[in-house]
Amino acid sequence: MSELSRWIRPIEEVKESYNFLMGWTEGKPREWYCGVEGVTFIWHGAWGDPEIGYKGYAINEPTATDFIYEKYREDTGNDEPDEFAGWLRENKEDWFSELDELIAQYEEEQSQRQFKVSNISWCYDTDEDDEPDLPTEVLAPKGMIDEDDITEWLSDEYEYLVDGYHLEEVSA
């Protein structure tokens, strides 16, 4: 797993797990981060770092804000967190550019990931005269990291349903 994978993830993963805590009502955010429209604040309680929601991703809040807070301190000579929100709203385009670059790096890393699929158990009629010649181990296409996508790809590629398998990420 890459460093960025620890700090960024598709927001759907968060919505499925933490819908109530994260501040969504009927699919819409209840609270913008520092009043910046387009950036939601995702609170996980005292047991985890908060995240921000931006362009379909949940990004670790300290990772997403530390650099812009430093820029705020450099620009203003001020270390007062109370004035940060107003400054951020005025300078949101700089922050958005940095977040977009972070997301682009994450997406590039994800596109290069590859998994070895092993111990594949196939579903087929055991009454068939000839047992089908199916692999027990294959490499999934690069960038295919979702288990549902891998299962569908296996079934489409080999024209048999899959009962189960083991995934292991391979190094590039």
C-alpha atoms as a PDB file:
ATOM      1  CA  MET A   1       0.000   0.000   0.000  1.00  0.00           C
ATOM      2  CA  SER A   2       1.360   3.416  -0.911  1.00  0.00           C
ATOM      3  CA  GLU A   3       1.723   6.316   1.488  1.00  0.00           C
ATOM      4  CA  LEU A   4      -1.103   8.207  -0.242  1.00  0.00           C
ATOM      5  CA  SER A   5      -3.408   5.193   0.100  1.00  0.00           C
ATOM      6  CA  ARG A   6      -3.203   5.676   3.846  1.00  0.00           C
ATOM      7  CA  TRP A   7      -4.481   9.243   3.615  1.00  0.00           C
ATOM      8  CA  ILE A   8      -6.880   9.235   0.648  1.00  0.00           C
ATOM      9  CA  ARG A   9      -9.761   6.927  -0.232  1.00  0.00           C
ATOM     10  CA  PRO A  10     -12.919   7.038  -2.323  1.00  0.00           C
ATOM     11  CA  ILE A  11     -15.585   8.850  -0.359  1.00  0.00           C
ATOM     12  CA  GLU A  12     -18.066   6.018  -1.000  1.00  0.00           C
ATOM     13  CA  GLU A  13     -16.055   3.887   1.453  1.00  0.00           C
ATOM     14  CA  VAL A  14     -16.640   6.505   4.120  1.00  0.00           C
ATOM     15  CA  LYS A  15     -20.319   7.013   3.313  1.00  0.00           C
ATOM     16  CA  GLU A  16     -20.995   3.295   3.646  1.00  0.00           C
ATOM     17  CA  SER A  17     -19.265   3.027   7.017  1.00  0.00           C
ATOM     18  CA  TYR A  18     -19.726   6.352   8.729  1.00  0.00           C
ATOM     19  CA  ASN A  19     -22.780   8.004   7.197  1.00  0.00           C
ATOM     20  CA  PHE A  20     -24.139   9.376  10.470  1.00  0.00           C
ATOM     21  CA  LEU A  21     -20.882  10.666  11.899  1.00  0.00           C
ATOM     22  CA  MET A  22     -19.681  12.244   8.725  1.00  0.00           C
ATOM     23  CA  GLY A  23     -22.436  14.803   8.495  1.00  0.00           C
ATOM     24  CA  TRP A  24     -24.404  13.735   5.434  1.00  0.00           C
ATOM     25  CA  THR A  25     -28.146  14.150   5.211  1.00  0.00           C
ATOM     26  CA  GLU A  26     -29.954  12.694   2.226  1.00  0.00           C
ATOM     27  CA  GLY A  27     -26.701  12.473   0.278  1.00  0.00           C
ATOM     28  CA  LYS A  28     -25.735  16.104   0.895  1.00  0.00           C
ATOM     29  CA  PRO A  29     -23.232  17.500   3.396  1.00  0.00           C
ATOM     30  CA  ARG A  30     -24.574  19.297   6.444  1.00  0.00           C
ATOM     31  CA  GLU A  31     -21.362  21.230   7.022  1.00  0.00           C
ATOM     32  CA  TRP A  32     -18.710  22.738   4.761  1.00  0.00           C
ATOM     33  CA  TYR A  33     -15.116  22.715   6.017  1.00  0.00           C
ATOM     34  CA  CYS A  34     -14.314  26.242   7.307  1.00  0.00           C
ATOM     35  CA  GLY A  35     -17.256  27.470   5.237  1.00  0.00           C
ATOM     36  CA  VAL A  36     -15.518  26.510   1.969  1.00  0.00           C
ATOM     37  CA  GLU A  37     -18.228  25.234  -0.353  1.00  0.00           C
ATOM     38  CA  GLY A  38     -17.289  21.954  -2.016  1.00  0.00           C
ATOM     39  CA  VAL A  39     -15.238  20.664   0.934  1.00  0.00           C
ATOM     40  CA  THR A  40     -17.043  18.711   3.636  1.00  0.00           C
ATOM     41  CA  PHE A  41     -15.852  17.994   7.144  1.00  0.00           C
ATOM     42  CA  ILE A  42     -15.952  14.316   8.115  1.00  0.00           C
ATOM     43  CA  TRP A  43     -15.800  13.698  11.846  1.00  0.00           C
ATOM     44  CA  HIS A  44     -15.120  10.180  13.142  1.00  0.00           C
ATOM     45  CA  GLY A  45     -15.344  10.948  16.826  1.00  0.00           C
ATOM     46  CA  ALA A  46     -12.421  10.908  19.230  1.00  0.00           C
ATOM     47  CA  TRP A  47     -11.110   7.591  17.929  1.00  0.00           C
ATOM     48  CA  GLY A  48      -9.860   8.727  14.522  1.00  0.00           C
ATOM     49  CA  ASP A  49      -8.486  11.626  12.529  1.00  0.00           C
ATOM     50  CA  PRO A  50     -11.158  13.667  10.811  1.00  0.00           C
ATOM     51  CA  GLU A  51     -11.245  13.735   7.033  1.00  0.00           C
ATOM     52  CA  ILE A  52     -12.367  16.214   4.442  1.00  0.00           C
ATOM     53  CA  GLY A  53     -14.522  15.284   1.481  1.00  0.00           C
ATOM     54  CA  TYR A  54     -13.405  16.757  -1.824  1.00  0.00           C
ATOM     55  CA  LYS A  55     -14.219  15.740  -5.423  1.00  0.00           C
ATOM     56  CA  GLY A  56     -15.290  12.214  -4.505  1.00  0.00           C
ATOM     57  CA  TYR A  57     -12.432  11.491  -2.103  1.00  0.00           C
ATOM     58  CA  ALA A  58     -12.018  11.450   1.651  1.00  0.00           C
ATOM     59  CA  ILE A  59      -8.645  12.941   2.573  1.00  0.00           C
ATOM     60  CA  ASN A  60      -7.063  12.832   6.015  1.00  0.00           C
ATOM     61  CA  GLU A  61      -7.747  16.315   7.400  1.00  0.00           C
ATOM     62  CA  PRO A  62      -4.287  16.996   8.905  1.00  0.00           C
ATOM     63  CA  THR A  63      -2.655  15.885   5.639  1.00  0.00           C
ATOM     64  CA  ALA A  64      -5.021  18.087   3.608  1.00  0.00           C
ATOM     65  CA  THR A  65      -4.677  21.202   5.748  1.00  0.00           C
ATOM     66  CA  ASP A  66      -1.168  21.311   7.245  1.00  0.00           C
ATOM     67  CA  PHE A  67       0.461  22.809   4.151  1.00  0.00           C
ATOM     68  CA  ILE A  68      -2.283  25.415   3.623  1.00  0.00           C
ATOM     69  CA  TYR A  69      -2.138  26.390   7.287  1.00  0.00           C
ATOM     70  CA  GLU A  70       1.612  26.973   6.860  1.00  0.00           C
ATOM     71  CA  LYS A  71       0.848  29.185   3.846  1.00  0.00           C
ATOM     72  CA  TYR A  72      -1.686  31.088   5.969  1.00  0.00           C
ATOM     73  CA  ARG A  73       0.981  31.676   8.629  1.00  0.00           C
ATOM     74  CA  GLU A  74       3.514  32.803   6.001  1.00  0.00           C
ATOM     75  CA  ASP A  75       1.052  35.133   4.245  1.00  0.00           C
ATOM     76  CA  THR A  76      -0.380  36.726   7.369  1.00  0.00           C
ATOM     77  CA  GLY A  77       2.357  36.340   9.985  1.00  0.00           C
ATOM     78  CA  ASN A  78      -0.540  35.181  12.115  1.00  0.00           C
ATOM     79  CA  ASP A  79      -0.839  31.932  14.056  1.00  0.00           C
ATOM     80  CA  GLU A  80      -4.413  32.499  15.203  1.00  0.00           C
ATOM     81  CA  PRO A  81      -6.595  29.560  14.169  1.00  0.00           C
ATOM     82  CA  ASP A  82      -9.722  31.714  14.590  1.00  0.00           C
ATOM     83  CA  GLU A  83      -8.826  33.773  11.509  1.00  0.00           C
ATOM     84  CA  PHE A  84      -7.767  30.794   9.387  1.00  0.00           C
ATOM     85  CA  ALA A  85     -11.287  29.976   8.143  1.00  0.00           C
ATOM     86  CA  GLY A  86     -11.808  33.436   6.655  1.00  0.00           C
ATOM     87  CA  TRP A  87      -8.374  33.421   5.043  1.00  0.00           C
ATOM     88  CA  LEU A  88      -9.012  29.942   3.648  1.00  0.00           C
ATOM     89  CA  ARG A  89     -12.299  31.026   2.044  1.00  0.00           C
ATOM     90  CA  GLU A  90     -10.460  33.914   0.364  1.00  0.00           C
ATOM     91  CA  ASN A  91      -7.584  31.687  -0.787  1.00  0.00           C
ATOM     92  CA  LYS A  92      -9.459  28.478  -1.530  1.00  0.00           C
ATOM     93  CA  GLU A  93      -8.189  28.225  -5.135  1.00  0.00           C
ATOM     94  CA  ASP A  94      -4.608  27.710  -3.883  1.00  0.00           C
ATOM     95  CA  TRP A  95      -5.857  24.953  -1.601  1.00  0.00           C
ATOM     96  CA  PHE A  96      -7.954  23.361  -4.353  1.00  0.00           C
ATOM     97  CA  SER A  97      -4.885  23.268  -6.640  1.00  0.00           C
ATOM     98  CA  GLU A  98      -2.885  21.432  -3.980  1.00  0.00           C
ATOM     99  CA  LEU A  99      -5.743  19.002  -3.284  1.00  0.00           C
ATOM    100  CA  ASP A 100      -6.171  18.340  -7.013  1.00  0.00           C
ATOM    101  CA  GLU A 101      -2.458  17.536  -7.286  1.00  0.00           C
ATOM    102  CA  LEU A 102      -2.663  15.200  -4.287  1.00  0.00           C
ATOM    103  CA  ILE A 103      -5.630  13.387  -5.852  1.00  0.00           C
ATOM    104  CA  ALA A 104      -3.857  13.123  -9.228  1.00  0.00           C
ATOM    105  CA  GLN A 105      -0.851  11.516  -7.520  1.00  0.00           C
ATOM    106  CA  TYR A 106      -3.154   9.095  -5.694  1.00  0.00           C
ATOM    107  CA  GLU A 107      -4.995   8.147  -8.902  1.00  0.00           C
ATOM    108  CA  GLU A 108      -1.684   7.563 -10.705  1.00  0.00           C
ATOM    109  CA  GLU A 109      -0.506   5.290  -7.893  1.00  0.00           C
ATOM    110  CA  GLN A 110      -3.796   3.376  -7.956  1.00  0.00           C
ATOM    111  CA  SER A 111      -3.557   2.863 -11.720  1.00  0.00           C
ATOM    112  CA  GLN A 112      -0.191   1.134 -11.264  1.00  0.00           C
ATOM    113  CA  ARG A 113      -1.276  -1.296  -8.548  1.00  0.00           C
ATOM    114  CA  GLN A 114      -1.633  -4.935  -9.525  1.00  0.00           C
ATOM    115  CA  PHE A 115      -2.884  -8.026  -7.729  1.00  0.00           C
ATOM    116  CA  LYS A 116      -2.070 -11.698  -8.030  1.00  0.00           C
ATOM    117  CA  VAL A 117      -5.267 -13.726  -7.793  1.00  0.00           C
ATOM    118  CA  SER A 118      -4.515 -17.180  -6.392  1.00  0.00           C
ATOM    119  CA  ASN A 119      -6.342 -20.215  -5.021  1.00  0.00           C
ATOM    120  CA  ILE A 120      -9.178 -19.485  -7.439  1.00  0.00           C
ATOM    121  CA  SER A 121     -12.187 -21.677  -6.834  1.00  0.00           C
ATOM    122  CA  TRP A 122     -14.443 -21.890  -9.886  1.00  0.00           C
ATOM    123  CA  CYS A 123     -18.123 -22.816 -10.032  1.00  0.00           C
ATOM    124  CA  TYR A 124     -18.946 -25.445 -12.635  1.00  0.00           C
ATOM    125  CA  ASP A 125     -21.078 -28.552 -12.954  1.00  0.00           C
ATOM    126  CA  THR A 126     -19.117 -31.483 -11.515  1.00  0.00           C
ATOM    127  CA  ASP A 127     -21.182 -33.865 -13.636  1.00  0.00           C
ATOM    128  CA  GLU A 128     -19.481 -32.623 -16.802  1.00  0.00           C
ATOM    129  CA  ASP A 129     -17.444 -35.295 -18.591  1.00  0.00           C
ATOM    130  CA  ASP A 130     -14.464 -33.010 -19.063  1.00  0.00           C
ATOM    131  CA  GLU A 131     -13.382 -30.766 -16.232  1.00  0.00           C
ATOM    132  CA  PRO A 132     -12.759 -27.277 -17.634  1.00  0.00           C
ATOM    133  CA  ASP A 133      -9.136 -26.181 -17.897  1.00  0.00           C
ATOM    134  CA  LEU A 134      -9.245 -23.128 -15.636  1.00  0.00           C
ATOM    135  CA  PRO A 135      -6.343 -21.358 -13.966  1.00  0.00           C
ATOM    136  CA  THR A 136      -5.874 -21.354 -10.211  1.00  0.00           C
ATOM    137  CA  GLU A 137      -3.638 -18.272 -10.338  1.00  0.00           C
ATOM    138  CA  VAL A 138      -3.601 -15.179 -12.588  1.00  0.00           C
ATOM    139  CA  LEU A 139      -2.560 -11.531 -12.529  1.00  0.00           C
ATOM    140  CA  ALA A 140      -5.438  -9.065 -12.554  1.00  0.00           C
ATOM    141  CA  PRO A 141      -5.042  -6.119 -14.943  1.00  0.00           C
ATOM    142  CA  LYS A 142      -3.080  -3.165 -13.590  1.00  0.00           C
ATOM    143  CA  GLY A 143      -5.260  -0.640 -11.834  1.00  0.00           C
ATOM    144  CA  MET A 144      -8.004  -3.162 -11.068  1.00  0.00           C
ATOM    145  CA  ILE A 145      -8.104  -3.020  -7.278  1.00  0.00           C
ATOM    146  CA  ASP A 146     -11.758  -3.507  -6.380  1.00  0.00           C
ATOM    147  CA  GLU A 147     -12.629  -7.105  -5.463  1.00  0.00           C
ATOM    148  CA  ASP A 148     -16.017  -6.925  -7.193  1.00  0.00           C
ATOM    149  CA  ASP A 149     -14.315  -5.718 -10.390  1.00  0.00           C
ATOM    150  CA  ILE A 150     -11.760  -8.521 -10.158  1.00  0.00           C
ATOM    151  CA  THR A 151     -14.497 -11.132  -9.660  1.00  0.00           C
ATOM    152  CA  GLU A 152     -16.439  -9.796 -12.649  1.00  0.00           C
ATOM    153  CA  TRP A 153     -13.274  -9.696 -14.778  1.00  0.00           C
ATOM    154  CA  LEU A 154     -12.450 -13.335 -13.910  1.00  0.00           C
ATOM    155  CA  SER A 155     -15.971 -14.476 -14.801  1.00  0.00           C
ATOM    156  CA  ASP A 156     -15.966 -12.523 -18.067  1.00  0.00           C
ATOM    157  CA  GLU A 157     -12.441 -13.584 -19.023  1.00  0.00           C
ATOM    158  CA  TYR A 158     -12.882 -17.321 -18.363  1.00  0.00           C
ATOM    159  CA  GLU A 159     -16.677 -17.612 -18.796  1.00  0.00           C
ATOM    160  CA  TYR A 160     -17.205 -19.355 -15.450  1.00  0.00           C
ATOM    161  CA  LEU A 161     -18.429 -18.039 -12.144  1.00  0.00           C
ATOM    162  CA  VAL A 162     -15.954 -17.656  -9.297  1.00  0.00           C
ATOM    163  CA  ASP A 163     -16.579 -19.139  -5.861  1.00  0.00           C
ATOM    164  CA  GLY A 164     -13.598 -17.531  -4.131  1.00  0.00           C
ATOM    165  CA  TYR A 165      -9.928 -16.610  -4.312  1.00  0.00           C
ATOM    166  CA  HIS A 166      -7.033 -14.979  -2.461  1.00  0.00           C
ATOM    167  CA  LEU A 167      -5.632 -11.572  -3.420  1.00  0.00           C
ATOM    168  CA  GLU A 168      -2.059 -10.437  -2.932  1.00  0.00           C
ATOM    169  CA  GLU A 169      -0.644  -7.171  -4.180  1.00  0.00           C
ATOM    170  CA  VAL A 170       2.459  -7.582  -6.310  1.00  0.00           C
ATOM    171  CA  SER A 171       5.316  -5.089  -6.310  1.00  0.00           C
ATOM    172  CA  ALA A 172       5.852  -3.006  -9.403  1.00  0.00           C
END
